[in-house]
Every structure is written in C-alpha cells, then in structure tokens.
Amino acid sequence: MSSYTFEFHGETLQARPSGTLYWPAHKLLCVSDLHFGKAQRYATHGASALPPYETHDTLLRLDQDITATGAEKVVCLGDSFDRVEASQELDGRSKDWIARLQSGREWIWIEGNHDPGPIELSGSHLADLRLGSIAFRHIAQDGSSGEISGHYHPKISLQMKSRRITRRCFLMDTDRIIMPAFGTYTGGLDVTHAPLASLLKPDAICILSDGAKALPVPRPKA
C-alpha cells in the first residue's frame, strides 16, 4: 500500500490508505473512531442487526498497520468504543488482542463523545494530547491550528468515468486534519456538508483512504 507523505506544521506525516496517520519522527500511529461494540449496541436496542464481527475486523486492520509501521506509540483519537460500557463487554479474544497490541508500546486513549469516561483497559486516558506543534483531540475546536481530530467521519464522493464512488477520507487544510473513521461499521459525513463545509478553508484537500493508495484530491464544490 502506498501512503501520502506531506508536511504539516513543520512535521512530516503520512496518511495511510487504511485511514491511519503515521508520524515517523515519533514512531506514532494515530487512528480515530474505532467504535468497538457498535454491532452489540444495535442488537441491544433492537435496530437492524449487524454481523457480530466488526471488532475483530477492526482489530485485524489496526494490527496490520501497527506491524507495517513498527509504531511504538498509538493514539486512539476518541470514540474508540461505541459507548462507555462497550469496553467492559469485549469478548476475551478481543481483550487479549488489544493487550497484545499494547505490549511494549505507549498507548493513549483520547476521550470521545461516545466514550467520555474511563474505560476498563490499560493505557493512558486523556482529554487531548499535545506533542510539539501538534494537538490531538476528538472534536475540532474553533480557532485551533496544528490540530488533528476525528469525530465527523469525513467521506468523499467522486465521479469516475461511468460510475460514482464514495470513499472515507482525510480532510486537511493548513490548520487542521480531520481523520476518517477506522471502525468497520462506521458511516460518514460528506465533506461538502455542514459543518465540514465551513470548518476547513475553501482550499482544503481530501486524501482518499479505503484503497491501495492514499490519494490527495481537491475537496469537491458543494
């Protein structure tokens, strides 16, 4: 898979086709909106049933990115769990898998709006994280610069010859990066819709994920 390498606030970052972001200087892998337990929430509340494999599929893809990058620090950028109780309801295999991924690495859980409180897993639990000129948080803040956030699950629709495709994407301008959702059953918000339409500058670009190559394209007009 081919990543897209770019400069952001004096740092070299790599947007990976999977939807993770890698910061080589810190050996840091950032992932957003894992939403573990979404299928269980749907089943509990009587919504349309989803196949009960999303946690394992999400963990498999995350495991592959950690291995591929050799990351020594992992930042989960909020809404790692679809609700607070989901961390307690993980099956034994998933808990063991997360523990194995955490072993020998610094692991940081950033609080999200779905999982605002402490969770029953090891790692650091923070409201946000700042490393040098870069700030990591779940939801973008007005007036911020050098910010990497998630929450909005950006996606882009493009006309490709005879068909239209929709892909998850990074949304980026000179001030901030909004990460795509990584979880298997997460939906998305079109980058031309509010609030994404006005949250970033008019010349913001999208970096396509969900493919073999992370490809930068201009943000479409609304």
C-alpha atoms as a PDB file:
ATOM      1  CA  MET A   1       0.000   0.000   0.000  1.00  0.00           C
ATOM      2  CA  SER A   2       1.182   3.483  -0.812  1.00  0.00           C
ATOM      3  CA  SER A   3       0.938   6.277   1.760  1.00  0.00           C
ATOM      4  CA  TYR A   4       0.721  10.006   1.057  1.00  0.00           C
ATOM      5  CA  THR A   5       3.554  11.939   2.731  1.00  0.00           C
ATOM      6  CA  PHE A   6       3.085  15.641   3.470  1.00  0.00           C
ATOM      7  CA  GLU A   7       4.283  18.472   5.696  1.00  0.00           C
ATOM      8  CA  PHE A   8       2.051  19.785   8.473  1.00  0.00           C
ATOM      9  CA  HIS A   9       3.198  22.467  10.938  1.00  0.00           C
ATOM     10  CA  GLY A  10       6.849  21.650  10.431  1.00  0.00           C
ATOM     11  CA  GLU A  11       6.371  17.891  10.752  1.00  0.00           C
ATOM     12  CA  THR A  12       6.399  15.111   8.156  1.00  0.00           C
ATOM     13  CA  LEU A  13       3.289  12.930   8.345  1.00  0.00           C
ATOM     14  CA  GLN A  14       1.998  10.004   6.329  1.00  0.00           C
ATOM     15  CA  ALA A  15      -1.677   9.402   5.542  1.00  0.00           C
ATOM     16  CA  ARG A  16      -2.060   5.661   5.070  1.00  0.00           C
ATOM     17  CA  PRO A  17      -4.568   4.065   2.673  1.00  0.00           C
ATOM     18  CA  SER A  18      -6.166   2.266   5.624  1.00  0.00           C
ATOM     19  CA  GLY A  19      -7.169   5.567   7.239  1.00  0.00           C
ATOM     20  CA  THR A  20      -4.462   5.753   9.902  1.00  0.00           C
ATOM     21  CA  LEU A  21      -1.934   8.569  10.197  1.00  0.00           C
ATOM     22  CA  TYR A  22       1.751   7.874  10.884  1.00  0.00           C
ATOM     23  CA  TRP A  23       4.271  10.337  12.336  1.00  0.00           C
ATOM     24  CA  PRO A  24       7.699   8.782  11.663  1.00  0.00           C
ATOM     25  CA  ALA A  25       9.704  11.142  13.903  1.00  0.00           C
ATOM     26  CA  HIS A  26       7.787   9.889  16.946  1.00  0.00           C
ATOM     27  CA  LYS A  27       7.031   6.389  15.614  1.00  0.00           C
ATOM     28  CA  LEU A  28       3.417   7.340  16.351  1.00  0.00           C
ATOM     29  CA  LEU A  29       0.354   5.811  14.715  1.00  0.00           C
ATOM     30  CA  CYS A  30      -2.917   7.721  15.078  1.00  0.00           C
ATOM     31  CA  VAL A  31      -6.308   6.107  14.483  1.00  0.00           C
ATOM     32  CA  SER A  32      -9.762   7.583  15.005  1.00  0.00           C
ATOM     33  CA  ASP A  33     -13.299   6.401  15.690  1.00  0.00           C
ATOM     34  CA  LEU A  34     -12.823   2.665  16.099  1.00  0.00           C
ATOM     35  CA  HIS A  35     -16.363   2.364  17.531  1.00  0.00           C
ATOM     36  CA  PHE A  36     -15.830  -1.062  19.070  1.00  0.00           C
ATOM     37  CA  GLY A  37     -19.185  -2.530  20.113  1.00  0.00           C
ATOM     38  CA  LYS A  38     -21.408  -0.865  17.518  1.00  0.00           C
ATOM     39  CA  ALA A  39     -22.915  -4.171  16.399  1.00  0.00           C
ATOM     40  CA  GLN A  40     -23.686  -5.028  20.032  1.00  0.00           C
ATOM     41  CA  ARG A  41     -25.407  -1.670  20.559  1.00  0.00           C
ATOM     42  CA  TYR A  42     -27.578  -2.229  17.505  1.00  0.00           C
ATOM     43  CA  ALA A  43     -28.547  -5.684  18.754  1.00  0.00           C
ATOM     44  CA  THR A  44     -29.266  -4.445  22.286  1.00  0.00           C
ATOM     45  CA  HIS A  45     -31.526  -1.606  21.162  1.00  0.00           C
ATOM     46  CA  GLY A  46     -33.419  -3.531  18.518  1.00  0.00           C
ATOM     47  CA  ALA A  47     -32.011  -1.747  15.486  1.00  0.00           C
ATOM     48  CA  SER A  48     -31.173  -3.534  12.250  1.00  0.00           C
ATOM     49  CA  ALA A  49     -28.802  -6.334  13.126  1.00  0.00           C
ATOM     50  CA  LEU A  50     -25.183  -6.077  12.028  1.00  0.00           C
ATOM     51  CA  PRO A  51     -22.878  -9.095  11.674  1.00  0.00           C
ATOM     52  CA  PRO A  52     -21.052  -9.540  15.010  1.00  0.00           C
ATOM     53  CA  TYR A  53     -17.538  -9.440  13.582  1.00  0.00           C
ATOM     54  CA  GLU A  54     -16.780  -5.725  13.458  1.00  0.00           C
ATOM     55  CA  THR A  55     -14.461  -5.620  16.479  1.00  0.00           C
ATOM     56  CA  HIS A  56     -12.270  -8.439  15.189  1.00  0.00           C
ATOM     57  CA  ASP A  57     -12.165  -6.984  11.679  1.00  0.00           C
ATOM     58  CA  THR A  58     -11.228  -3.538  13.007  1.00  0.00           C
ATOM     59  CA  LEU A  59      -8.541  -5.038  15.247  1.00  0.00           C
ATOM     60  CA  LEU A  60      -7.124  -7.059  12.359  1.00  0.00           C
ATOM     61  CA  ARG A  61      -6.686  -3.952  10.208  1.00  0.00           C
ATOM     62  CA  LEU A  62      -5.211  -1.980  13.099  1.00  0.00           C
ATOM     63  CA  ASP A  63      -2.829  -4.839  13.868  1.00  0.00           C
ATOM     64  CA  GLN A  64      -1.668  -4.816  10.238  1.00  0.00           C
ATOM     65  CA  ASP A  65      -0.916  -1.074  10.342  1.00  0.00           C
ATOM     66  CA  ILE A  66       0.965  -1.301  13.632  1.00  0.00           C
ATOM     67  CA  THR A  67       3.070  -4.114  12.196  1.00  0.00           C
ATOM     68  CA  ALA A  68       3.652  -2.326   8.882  1.00  0.00           C
ATOM     69  CA  THR A  69       4.803   0.926  10.514  1.00  0.00           C
ATOM     70  CA  GLY A  70       6.594  -0.510  13.546  1.00  0.00           C
ATOM     71  CA  ALA A  71       4.755   2.065  15.669  1.00  0.00           C
ATOM     72  CA  GLU A  72       5.946   2.442  19.246  1.00  0.00           C
ATOM     73  CA  LYS A  73       3.172   4.867  20.252  1.00  0.00           C
ATOM     74  CA  VAL A  74      -0.519   4.506  19.358  1.00  0.00           C
ATOM     75  CA  VAL A  75      -3.018   7.350  19.765  1.00  0.00           C
ATOM     76  CA  CYS A  76      -6.697   6.379  19.537  1.00  0.00           C
ATOM     77  CA  LEU A  77      -8.431   9.651  18.778  1.00  0.00           C
ATOM     78  CA  GLY A  78     -11.729   9.172  20.595  1.00  0.00           C
ATOM     79  CA  ASP A  79     -14.903   7.136  20.146  1.00  0.00           C
ATOM     80  CA  SER A  80     -12.782   4.029  20.340  1.00  0.00           C
ATOM     81  CA  PHE A  81     -15.854   2.441  21.927  1.00  0.00           C
ATOM     82  CA  ASP A  82     -19.385   2.976  20.730  1.00  0.00           C
ATOM     83  CA  ARG A  83     -20.458   3.610  24.324  1.00  0.00           C
ATOM     84  CA  VAL A  84     -18.711   3.551  27.704  1.00  0.00           C
ATOM     85  CA  GLU A  85     -19.951   0.049  28.589  1.00  0.00           C
ATOM     86  CA  ALA A  86     -18.560  -1.434  25.367  1.00  0.00           C
ATOM     87  CA  SER A  87     -15.059  -1.693  26.820  1.00  0.00           C
ATOM     88  CA  GLN A  88     -16.426  -3.973  29.547  1.00  0.00           C
ATOM     89  CA  GLU A  89     -18.399  -6.105  27.071  1.00  0.00           C
ATOM     90  CA  LEU A  90     -15.490  -7.052  24.814  1.00  0.00           C
ATOM     91  CA  ASP A  91     -15.091 -10.787  24.340  1.00  0.00           C
ATOM     92  CA  GLY A  92     -11.984 -12.453  25.712  1.00  0.00           C
ATOM     93  CA  ARG A  93     -10.296 -12.756  22.329  1.00  0.00           C
ATOM     94  CA  SER A  94     -10.652  -9.021  21.694  1.00  0.00           C
ATOM     95  CA  LYS A  95      -9.326  -8.097  25.143  1.00  0.00           C
ATOM     96  CA  ASP A  96      -6.325 -10.378  24.649  1.00  0.00           C
ATOM     97  CA  TRP A  97      -5.734  -8.935  21.176  1.00  0.00           C
ATOM     98  CA  ILE A  98      -5.751  -5.346  22.475  1.00  0.00           C
ATOM     99  CA  ALA A  99      -3.412  -6.326  25.321  1.00  0.00           C
ATOM    100  CA  ARG A 100      -1.007  -7.871  22.812  1.00  0.00           C
ATOM    101  CA  LEU A 101      -1.067  -4.751  20.647  1.00  0.00           C
ATOM    102  CA  GLN A 102      -0.404  -2.584  23.715  1.00  0.00           C
ATOM    103  CA  SER A 103       2.510  -4.696  24.906  1.00  0.00           C
ATOM    104  CA  GLY A 104       5.780  -2.788  24.660  1.00  0.00           C
ATOM    105  CA  ARG A 105       4.080   0.341  23.294  1.00  0.00           C
ATOM    106  CA  GLU A 106       2.801   3.587  24.691  1.00  0.00           C
ATOM    107  CA  TRP A 107      -0.956   3.536  24.167  1.00  0.00           C
ATOM    108  CA  ILE A 108      -3.137   6.628  24.543  1.00  0.00           C
ATOM    109  CA  TRP A 109      -6.936   6.649  24.579  1.00  0.00           C
ATOM    110  CA  ILE A 110      -8.274  10.140  23.787  1.00  0.00           C
ATOM    111  CA  GLU A 111     -11.762  10.728  25.188  1.00  0.00           C
ATOM    112  CA  GLY A 112     -14.599  10.971  22.674  1.00  0.00           C
ATOM    113  CA  ASN A 113     -18.274  11.871  22.870  1.00  0.00           C
ATOM    114  CA  HIS A 114     -19.280   8.176  22.822  1.00  0.00           C
ATOM    115  CA  ASP A 115     -16.692   7.148  25.417  1.00  0.00           C
ATOM    116  CA  PRO A 116     -16.160  10.204  27.673  1.00  0.00           C
ATOM    117  CA  GLY A 117     -15.256   8.330  30.826  1.00  0.00           C
ATOM    118  CA  PRO A 118     -12.559   5.877  31.956  1.00  0.00           C
ATOM    119  CA  ILE A 119     -12.539   2.507  30.239  1.00  0.00           C
ATOM    120  CA  GLU A 120     -11.557  -0.851  31.674  1.00  0.00           C
ATOM    121  CA  LEU A 121      -8.382  -1.257  29.671  1.00  0.00           C
ATOM    122  CA  SER A 122      -4.767  -0.296  30.218  1.00  0.00           C
ATOM    123  CA  GLY A 123      -3.139   2.692  28.569  1.00  0.00           C
ATOM    124  CA  SER A 124      -3.287   6.420  29.253  1.00  0.00           C
ATOM    125  CA  HIS A 125      -6.696   8.126  29.180  1.00  0.00           C
ATOM    126  CA  LEU A 126      -6.508  11.788  28.161  1.00  0.00           C
ATOM    127  CA  ALA A 127      -8.871  14.569  27.074  1.00  0.00           C
ATOM    128  CA  ASP A 128      -6.301  15.620  24.484  1.00  0.00           C
ATOM    129  CA  LEU A 129      -2.595  15.345  23.731  1.00  0.00           C
ATOM    130  CA  ARG A 130      -0.022  17.884  22.553  1.00  0.00           C
ATOM    131  CA  LEU A 131       3.313  16.935  21.040  1.00  0.00           C
ATOM    132  CA  GLY A 132       5.357  19.920  19.918  1.00  0.00           C
ATOM    133  CA  SER A 133       3.288  21.929  17.425  1.00  0.00           C
ATOM    134  CA  ILE A 134       0.639  19.208  17.029  1.00  0.00           C
ATOM    135  CA  ALA A 135      -2.508  18.802  19.140  1.00  0.00           C
ATOM    136  CA  PHE A 136      -4.593  15.612  19.131  1.00  0.00           C
ATOM    137  CA  ARG A 137      -8.239  15.742  20.231  1.00  0.00           C
ATOM    138  CA  HIS A 138     -11.526  14.116  19.313  1.00  0.00           C
ATOM    139  CA  ILE A 139     -13.544  17.117  18.100  1.00  0.00           C
ATOM    140  CA  ALA A 140     -12.070  20.087  16.228  1.00  0.00           C
ATOM    141  CA  GLN A 141     -12.050  23.350  18.157  1.00  0.00           C
ATOM    142  CA  ASP A 142     -12.715  26.754  16.624  1.00  0.00           C
ATOM    143  CA  GLY A 143      -9.540  28.749  16.089  1.00  0.00           C
ATOM    144  CA  SER A 144      -7.203  25.803  16.560  1.00  0.00           C
ATOM    145  CA  SER A 145      -4.066  25.372  14.499  1.00  0.00           C
ATOM    146  CA  GLY A 146      -1.846  22.321  14.186  1.00  0.00           C
ATOM    147  CA  GLU A 147      -4.815  20.181  15.211  1.00  0.00           C
ATOM    148  CA  ILE A 148      -5.562  16.546  14.374  1.00  0.00           C
ATOM    149  CA  SER A 149      -9.078  15.384  15.232  1.00  0.00           C
ATOM    150  CA  GLY A 150     -11.780  12.890  14.295  1.00  0.00           C
ATOM    151  CA  HIS A 151     -15.489  12.713  15.169  1.00  0.00           C
ATOM    152  CA  TYR A 152     -17.012  13.723  11.819  1.00  0.00           C
ATOM    153  CA  HIS A 153     -16.121  10.584   9.794  1.00  0.00           C
ATOM    154  CA  PRO A 154     -15.416  12.510   6.561  1.00  0.00           C
ATOM    155  CA  LYS A 155     -16.169  10.826   3.252  1.00  0.00           C
ATOM    156  CA  ILE A 156     -15.980  11.986  -0.362  1.00  0.00           C
ATOM    157  CA  SER A 157     -17.999  11.116  -3.480  1.00  0.00           C
ATOM    158  CA  LEU A 158     -16.314  11.363  -6.870  1.00  0.00           C
ATOM    159  CA  GLN A 159     -17.477  10.741 -10.410  1.00  0.00           C
ATOM    160  CA  MET A 160     -15.081   8.280 -12.029  1.00  0.00           C
ATOM    161  CA  LYS A 161     -15.893   7.890 -15.742  1.00  0.00           C
ATOM    162  CA  SER A 162     -19.134   5.892 -15.815  1.00  0.00           C
ATOM    163  CA  ARG A 163     -19.591   5.399 -12.081  1.00  0.00           C
ATOM    164  CA  ARG A 164     -19.649   7.333  -8.841  1.00  0.00           C
ATOM    165  CA  ILE A 165     -17.535   6.163  -5.918  1.00  0.00           C
ATOM    166  CA  THR A 166     -17.685   7.093  -2.227  1.00  0.00           C
ATOM    167  CA  ARG A 167     -14.627   6.708  -0.009  1.00  0.00           C
ATOM    168  CA  ARG A 168     -13.616   7.581   3.507  1.00  0.00           C
ATOM    169  CA  CYS A 169     -11.020  10.315   3.504  1.00  0.00           C
ATOM    170  CA  PHE A 170      -8.788  12.616   5.496  1.00  0.00           C
ATOM    171  CA  LEU A 171      -9.862  16.264   5.245  1.00  0.00           C
ATOM    172  CA  MET A 172      -6.978  18.708   5.589  1.00  0.00           C
ATOM    173  CA  ASP A 173      -6.072  22.376   5.316  1.00  0.00           C
ATOM    174  CA  THR A 174      -3.084  24.320   6.658  1.00  0.00           C
ATOM    175  CA  ASP A 175      -4.548  24.448  10.188  1.00  0.00           C
ATOM    176  CA  ARG A 176      -6.095  21.054  10.827  1.00  0.00           C
ATOM    177  CA  ILE A 177      -6.548  17.464   9.780  1.00  0.00           C
ATOM    178  CA  ILE A 178      -9.800  15.603  10.327  1.00  0.00           C
ATOM    179  CA  MET A 179      -9.279  11.846  10.320  1.00  0.00           C
ATOM    180  CA  PRO A 180     -11.518   9.280   8.649  1.00  0.00           C
ATOM    181  CA  ALA A 181     -13.349   6.808  10.862  1.00  0.00           C
ATOM    182  CA  PHE A 182     -11.484   3.499  11.086  1.00  0.00           C
ATOM    183  CA  GLY A 183     -14.174   1.243  12.559  1.00  0.00           C
ATOM    184  CA  THR A 184     -15.675  -1.362  10.252  1.00  0.00           C
ATOM    185  CA  TYR A 185     -19.316  -0.259  10.607  1.00  0.00           C
ATOM    186  CA  THR A 186     -18.821   3.494  10.863  1.00  0.00           C
ATOM    187  CA  GLY A 187     -20.723   5.707   8.445  1.00  0.00           C
ATOM    188  CA  GLY A 188     -19.575   9.077   7.172  1.00  0.00           C
ATOM    189  CA  LEU A 189     -20.358  12.737   6.576  1.00  0.00           C
ATOM    190  CA  ASP A 190     -19.841  14.125   3.088  1.00  0.00           C
ATOM    191  CA  VAL A 191     -17.051  16.718   3.019  1.00  0.00           C
ATOM    192  CA  THR A 192     -19.350  19.185   1.234  1.00  0.00           C
ATOM    193  CA  HIS A 193     -21.969  19.097   4.012  1.00  0.00           C
ATOM    194  CA  ALA A 194     -22.159  21.150   7.210  1.00  0.00           C
ATOM    195  CA  PRO A 195     -20.231  21.502   9.422  1.00  0.00           C
ATOM    196  CA  LEU A 196     -17.307  20.173   7.368  1.00  0.00           C
ATOM    197  CA  ALA A 197     -18.161  22.561   4.525  1.00  0.00           C
ATOM    198  CA  SER A 198     -17.243  25.571   6.668  1.00  0.00           C
ATOM    199  CA  LEU A 199     -14.952  24.091   9.319  1.00  0.00           C
ATOM    200  CA  LEU A 200     -11.970  23.964   6.962  1.00  0.00           C
ATOM    201  CA  LYS A 201     -10.687  26.506   4.469  1.00  0.00           C
ATOM    202  CA  PRO A 202     -12.011  26.577   0.878  1.00  0.00           C
ATOM    203  CA  ASP A 203      -8.747  25.156  -0.473  1.00  0.00           C
ATOM    204  CA  ALA A 204      -8.839  22.099   1.817  1.00  0.00           C
ATOM    205  CA  ILE A 205      -7.877  18.810   0.219  1.00  0.00           C
ATOM    206  CA  CYS A 206      -9.163  15.277   0.705  1.00  0.00           C
ATOM    207  CA  ILE A 207      -6.878  12.256   0.956  1.00  0.00           C
ATOM    208  CA  LEU A 208      -8.714   9.126  -0.083  1.00  0.00           C
ATOM    209  CA  SER A 209      -8.472   6.037   2.105  1.00  0.00           C
ATOM    210  CA  ASP A 210     -10.228   2.647   1.680  1.00  0.00           C
ATOM    211  CA  GLY A 211      -7.906   1.697  -1.169  1.00  0.00           C
ATOM    212  CA  ALA A 212      -4.424   0.565  -2.117  1.00  0.00           C
ATOM    213  CA  LYS A 213      -3.160   4.141  -2.357  1.00  0.00           C
ATOM    214  CA  ALA A 214      -3.751   7.262  -0.262  1.00  0.00           C
ATOM    215  CA  LEU A 215      -4.589   9.754  -2.986  1.00  0.00           C
ATOM    216  CA  PRO A 216      -4.916  13.547  -2.463  1.00  0.00           C
ATOM    217  CA  VAL A 217      -7.690  15.313  -4.421  1.00  0.00           C
ATOM    218  CA  PRO A 218      -9.268  18.778  -4.155  1.00  0.00           C
ATOM    219  CA  ARG A 219     -12.376  18.963  -2.000  1.00  0.00           C
ATOM    220  CA  PRO A 220     -15.413  18.974  -4.321  1.00  0.00           C
ATOM    221  CA  LYS A 221     -17.638  22.034  -4.506  1.00  0.00           C
ATOM    222  CA  ALA A 222     -20.907  21.824  -2.623  1.00  0.00           C
END
